[in-house]
Amino acid sequence: MAGHSKWANIQHRKGRQDEKRGKVWTRVIREIMVAARQGGADLSINPRLRLAVEKAKAANLPADTVKRNIDKATGNLEGVNYEEIRYEGYGIAGAAIIVDTMTDNRVRTVAEVRHAFSKYGGNMGTEGSVAFQFKHCGQLIFAPGTSEDRIMEVALEAGAEDVLTGDDGAIEVLTAYAGFEAVKNALEAAGLKPEVAEVTMRPENTIELAGEDAAKMQKLLDILEDLEDVQDVFHNAAISE
């Protein structure tokens, strides 16, 4: 996202998440189950599960629900097995889109994702068609007005790769995937709490969209995010208000 639209896009996304609290819980539960199944139930040696449990706490998911789903995933309780599938495609004006899903029925999921792309002005691509335009990394974003000097001092000392300030004053800290937790913990210990803290697919370059194209792109993204099996949607569109 370009600097001028980053904060507006973040607020739009957070607002949608607040509106759809139940959907957020569903996504967090799936993430917990997959992380626990792949890396085990021990939080101390499973960073992906630690991050998922943090997301659960932030979403006010009850602790007993978290434990029950970890138990399901690690075989202590009977549960559903989810698999991770990534789809790639193009949105309005050729903007790149990545759709990460967790599903117990891949036939249903691919049909729903393909239908959303085709109905709302996009096109499904093949594996690898747009992923090269993104970097898998840690991302922490701070509200405009936060001390850039203090963030830079703490983040770089903790191993961050870069600190960027957008035109709107939002400050973005980028980390390697493996260094995300260390940087996040250091910033929070210094009293610097990010508005967004996540491992993400960050676009290397963005495509500016405005007017009708921006509205169409936002509609496509909203429809994809609303699909039952979708966990995350990443894109390289800078959408103007």
Protein backbone atom coordinates (compact mmCIF):
# COMPACT_ATOMS: atom_id res chain seq x y z
CA MET A 1 0.00 0.00 0.00
CA ALA A 2 1.26 3.47 -0.79
CA GLY A 3 1.97 5.85 2.07
CA HIS A 4 -1.00 8.13 1.48
CA SER A 5 -3.55 5.31 1.73
CA LYS A 6 -1.91 2.93 4.20
CA TRP A 7 -3.61 4.21 7.34
CA ALA A 8 -7.02 4.52 5.69
CA ASN A 9 -6.75 0.95 4.41
CA ILE A 10 -5.75 -0.32 7.85
CA GLN A 11 -8.70 1.39 9.49
CA HIS A 12 -11.06 -0.01 6.87
CA ARG A 13 -9.77 -3.52 7.50
CA LYS A 14 -9.95 -3.19 11.28
CA GLY A 15 -13.50 -1.87 11.01
CA ARG A 16 -14.56 -4.85 8.93
CA GLN A 17 -12.95 -7.23 11.40
CA ASP A 18 -14.82 -5.62 14.28
CA GLU A 19 -18.09 -5.98 12.36
CA LYS A 20 -17.42 -9.66 11.76
CA ARG A 21 -16.15 -10.84 15.14
CA GLY A 22 -17.56 -14.33 14.67
CA LYS A 23 -15.69 -14.74 11.40
CA VAL A 24 -12.48 -13.58 13.07
CA TRP A 25 -12.92 -16.28 15.72
CA THR A 26 -13.41 -18.94 13.04
CA ARG A 27 -10.22 -17.89 11.28
CA VAL A 28 -8.20 -17.81 14.49
CA ILE A 29 -9.44 -21.27 15.49
CA ARG A 30 -8.38 -22.69 12.14
CA GLU A 31 -4.97 -21.08 12.45
CA ILE A 32 -4.55 -22.52 15.95
CA MET A 33 -5.49 -26.00 14.76
CA VAL A 34 -3.13 -26.00 11.77
CA ALA A 35 -0.27 -24.50 13.79
CA ALA A 36 -0.73 -27.04 16.58
CA ARG A 37 -1.01 -29.97 14.19
CA GLN A 38 2.17 -28.98 12.35
CA GLY A 39 4.32 -27.86 15.27
CA GLY A 40 2.81 -29.45 18.38
CA ALA A 41 0.99 -28.02 21.38
CA ASP A 42 4.03 -26.62 23.21
CA LEU A 43 3.93 -22.84 22.82
CA SER A 44 7.57 -22.48 23.86
CA ILE A 45 8.80 -24.30 20.74
CA ASN A 46 6.01 -23.45 18.29
CA PRO A 47 6.22 -19.77 17.26
CA ARG A 48 3.35 -20.05 14.79
CA LEU A 49 1.07 -21.34 17.53
CA ARG A 50 2.24 -18.59 19.91
CA LEU A 51 1.25 -15.97 17.34
CA ALA A 52 -2.11 -17.66 16.76
CA VAL A 53 -2.84 -17.74 20.49
CA GLU A 54 -1.94 -14.03 20.70
CA LYS A 55 -4.44 -13.34 17.92
CA ALA A 56 -7.03 -15.36 19.85
CA LYS A 57 -6.47 -13.25 22.96
CA ALA A 58 -6.71 -10.03 20.96
CA ALA A 59 -10.02 -11.24 19.53
CA ASN A 60 -11.28 -12.18 23.03
CA LEU A 61 -11.58 -15.85 22.14
CA PRO A 62 -12.20 -17.80 25.38
CA ALA A 63 -9.17 -19.65 26.75
CA ASP A 64 -11.04 -22.95 27.01
CA THR A 65 -11.92 -22.69 23.31
CA VAL A 66 -8.24 -22.18 22.49
CA LYS A 67 -7.22 -25.21 24.56
CA ARG A 68 -9.97 -27.41 23.14
CA ASN A 69 -8.91 -26.70 19.57
CA ILE A 70 -5.25 -27.30 20.33
CA ASP A 71 -6.27 -30.66 21.81
CA LYS A 72 -8.32 -31.46 18.71
CA ALA A 73 -5.40 -30.64 16.43
CA THR A 74 -2.89 -32.72 18.39
CA GLY A 75 -5.11 -35.79 18.57
CA ASN A 76 -6.43 -35.52 22.12
CA LEU A 77 -9.93 -34.80 20.84
CA GLU A 78 -11.70 -35.70 17.62
CA GLY A 79 -11.76 -32.78 15.22
CA VAL A 80 -11.75 -31.62 11.61
CA ASN A 81 -8.52 -31.66 9.62
CA TYR A 82 -7.85 -28.47 7.67
CA GLU A 83 -5.34 -28.07 4.85
CA GLU A 84 -3.77 -24.81 3.72
CA ILE A 85 -4.21 -23.83 0.08
CA ARG A 86 -3.02 -20.62 -1.58
CA TYR A 87 -4.69 -19.16 -4.66
CA GLU A 88 -3.28 -16.38 -6.81
CA GLY A 89 -4.96 -14.06 -9.24
CA TYR A 90 -5.49 -10.61 -10.66
CA GLY A 91 -7.90 -7.87 -9.66
CA ILE A 92 -8.87 -4.60 -11.26
CA ALA A 93 -6.23 -3.10 -13.60
CA GLY A 94 -4.09 -6.20 -13.14
CA ALA A 95 -3.52 -5.73 -9.40
CA ALA A 96 -1.99 -8.84 -7.84
CA ILE A 97 -3.99 -10.80 -5.26
CA ILE A 98 -3.04 -13.72 -3.00
CA VAL A 99 -5.81 -15.62 -1.22
CA ASP A 100 -4.77 -17.91 1.64
CA THR A 101 -7.35 -20.48 2.71
CA MET A 102 -7.79 -23.27 5.23
CA THR A 103 -10.33 -25.85 4.23
CA ASP A 104 -11.68 -29.32 4.82
CA ASN A 105 -13.06 -29.40 1.25
CA ARG A 106 -10.73 -28.09 -1.45
CA VAL A 107 -13.30 -28.63 -4.24
CA ARG A 108 -15.74 -26.27 -2.54
CA THR A 109 -13.05 -23.71 -1.76
CA VAL A 110 -11.55 -23.42 -5.24
CA ALA A 111 -15.02 -23.11 -6.76
CA GLU A 112 -15.95 -20.27 -4.40
CA VAL A 113 -12.67 -18.41 -4.92
CA ARG A 114 -12.82 -18.77 -8.72
CA HIS A 115 -16.45 -17.60 -8.75
CA ALA A 116 -15.59 -14.50 -6.70
CA PHE A 117 -12.74 -13.56 -9.02
CA SER A 118 -14.78 -14.01 -12.19
CA LYS A 119 -17.95 -12.32 -10.94
CA TYR A 120 -16.28 -9.22 -9.56
CA GLY A 121 -13.83 -8.32 -12.30
CA GLY A 122 -10.78 -10.42 -11.51
CA ASN A 123 -9.11 -13.53 -12.89
CA MET A 124 -7.70 -16.61 -11.19
CA GLY A 125 -4.04 -17.17 -11.96
CA THR A 126 -1.80 -20.21 -11.76
CA GLU A 127 0.45 -21.09 -8.84
CA GLY A 128 3.33 -18.64 -8.69
CA SER A 129 1.74 -16.17 -11.08
CA VAL A 130 1.82 -13.24 -8.62
CA ALA A 131 3.55 -14.51 -5.47
CA PHE A 132 6.93 -13.26 -6.70
CA GLN A 133 5.60 -9.72 -6.33
CA PHE A 134 5.31 -10.14 -2.54
CA LYS A 135 7.75 -10.64 0.34
CA HIS A 136 6.96 -12.97 3.25
CA CYS A 137 7.91 -10.90 6.28
CA GLY A 138 6.93 -9.51 9.65
CA GLN A 139 5.12 -6.17 9.65
CA LEU A 140 4.31 -3.83 12.53
CA ILE A 141 2.43 -0.60 11.88
CA PHE A 142 2.17 2.32 14.30
CA ALA A 143 -0.36 5.15 14.27
CA PRO A 144 0.58 8.57 12.94
CA GLY A 145 2.09 10.65 15.73
CA THR A 146 4.10 7.82 17.28
CA SER A 147 7.77 8.72 17.84
CA GLU A 148 9.64 7.68 14.72
CA ASP A 149 13.03 8.11 16.38
CA ARG A 150 12.11 5.89 19.33
CA ILE A 151 10.62 3.19 17.10
CA MET A 152 13.68 3.21 14.87
CA GLU A 153 16.05 3.00 17.84
CA VAL A 154 14.28 0.03 19.45
CA ALA A 155 13.35 -1.81 16.25
CA LEU A 156 16.76 -1.72 14.60
CA GLU A 157 18.48 -2.71 17.85
CA ALA A 158 16.14 -5.74 18.03
CA GLY A 159 16.97 -6.80 14.49
CA ALA A 160 14.34 -5.14 12.28
CA GLU A 161 15.20 -4.89 8.59
CA ASP A 162 13.69 -1.48 7.91
CA VAL A 163 11.55 1.34 9.34
CA LEU A 164 9.40 3.32 6.89
CA THR A 165 7.23 6.39 7.41
CA GLY A 166 4.31 6.93 5.04
CA ASP A 167 2.97 10.21 3.69
CA ASP A 168 0.14 9.94 6.22
CA GLY A 169 2.55 9.60 9.18
CA ALA A 170 1.97 5.88 9.78
CA ILE A 171 5.21 4.11 10.69
CA GLU A 172 5.93 0.63 9.36
CA VAL A 173 8.53 -1.72 10.81
CA LEU A 174 9.62 -4.64 8.62
CA THR A 175 11.32 -7.77 9.91
CA ALA A 176 12.47 -11.10 8.60
CA TYR A 177 9.91 -13.84 9.18
CA ALA A 178 12.12 -15.47 11.82
CA GLY A 179 12.82 -12.19 13.61
CA PHE A 180 9.24 -10.97 13.93
CA GLU A 181 8.63 -12.07 17.51
CA ALA A 182 11.88 -10.62 18.86
CA VAL A 183 11.22 -7.21 17.31
CA LYS A 184 7.58 -7.17 18.40
CA ASN A 185 8.48 -8.10 21.97
CA ALA A 186 11.22 -5.45 22.12
CA LEU A 187 8.90 -2.70 20.87
CA GLU A 188 6.11 -3.64 23.27
CA ALA A 189 8.58 -3.83 26.18
CA ALA A 190 9.57 -0.25 25.32
CA GLY A 191 5.93 0.82 25.54
CA LEU A 192 5.47 1.02 21.77
CA LYS A 193 2.27 -0.85 20.87
CA PRO A 194 1.57 -1.36 17.18
CA GLU A 195 -1.89 -1.09 15.65
CA VAL A 196 -1.03 -4.02 13.37
CA ALA A 197 1.48 -6.78 14.16
CA GLU A 198 1.50 -9.74 11.82
CA VAL A 199 3.43 -12.01 9.53
CA THR A 200 2.26 -11.04 6.08
CA MET A 201 2.84 -11.11 2.34
CA ARG A 202 3.92 -7.52 1.66
CA PRO A 203 3.82 -6.23 -1.94
CA GLU A 204 7.17 -5.14 -3.36
CA ASN A 205 5.40 -2.52 -5.51
CA THR A 206 1.89 -1.10 -5.58
CA ILE A 207 -0.66 -0.16 -8.23
CA GLU A 208 -2.56 3.07 -7.62
CA LEU A 209 -6.33 2.76 -8.01
CA ALA A 210 -8.86 5.58 -7.69
CA GLY A 211 -12.49 6.27 -8.50
CA GLU A 212 -14.49 3.44 -10.05
CA ASP A 213 -11.48 1.14 -10.26
CA ALA A 214 -10.80 1.60 -6.53
CA ALA A 215 -14.43 0.85 -5.68
CA LYS A 216 -14.48 -2.28 -7.84
CA MET A 217 -11.22 -3.52 -6.35
CA GLN A 218 -12.45 -2.97 -2.79
CA LYS A 219 -15.63 -4.88 -3.62
CA LEU A 220 -13.64 -7.82 -4.98
CA LEU A 221 -11.40 -7.86 -1.90
CA ASP A 222 -14.40 -7.67 0.45
CA ILE A 223 -16.12 -10.57 -1.32
CA LEU A 224 -12.97 -12.72 -1.16
CA GLU A 225 -12.44 -11.93 2.53
CA ASP A 226 -16.04 -12.90 3.29
CA LEU A 227 -15.66 -16.42 1.89
CA GLU A 228 -15.96 -19.02 4.64
CA ASP A 229 -12.63 -20.77 3.96
CA VAL A 230 -10.52 -17.64 3.42
CA GLN A 231 -7.96 -16.78 6.10
CA ASP A 232 -6.13 -13.84 4.52
CA VAL A 233 -6.19 -11.78 1.35
CA PHE A 234 -3.05 -9.91 0.28
CA HIS A 235 -2.85 -7.48 -2.63
CA ASN A 236 -0.70 -4.75 -4.16
CA ALA A 237 -3.41 -2.15 -4.79
CA ALA A 238 -3.09 1.29 -3.22
CA ILE A 239 -6.75 2.21 -2.96
CA SER A 240 -7.59 5.89 -2.70
CA GLU A 241 -10.59 7.00 -0.66
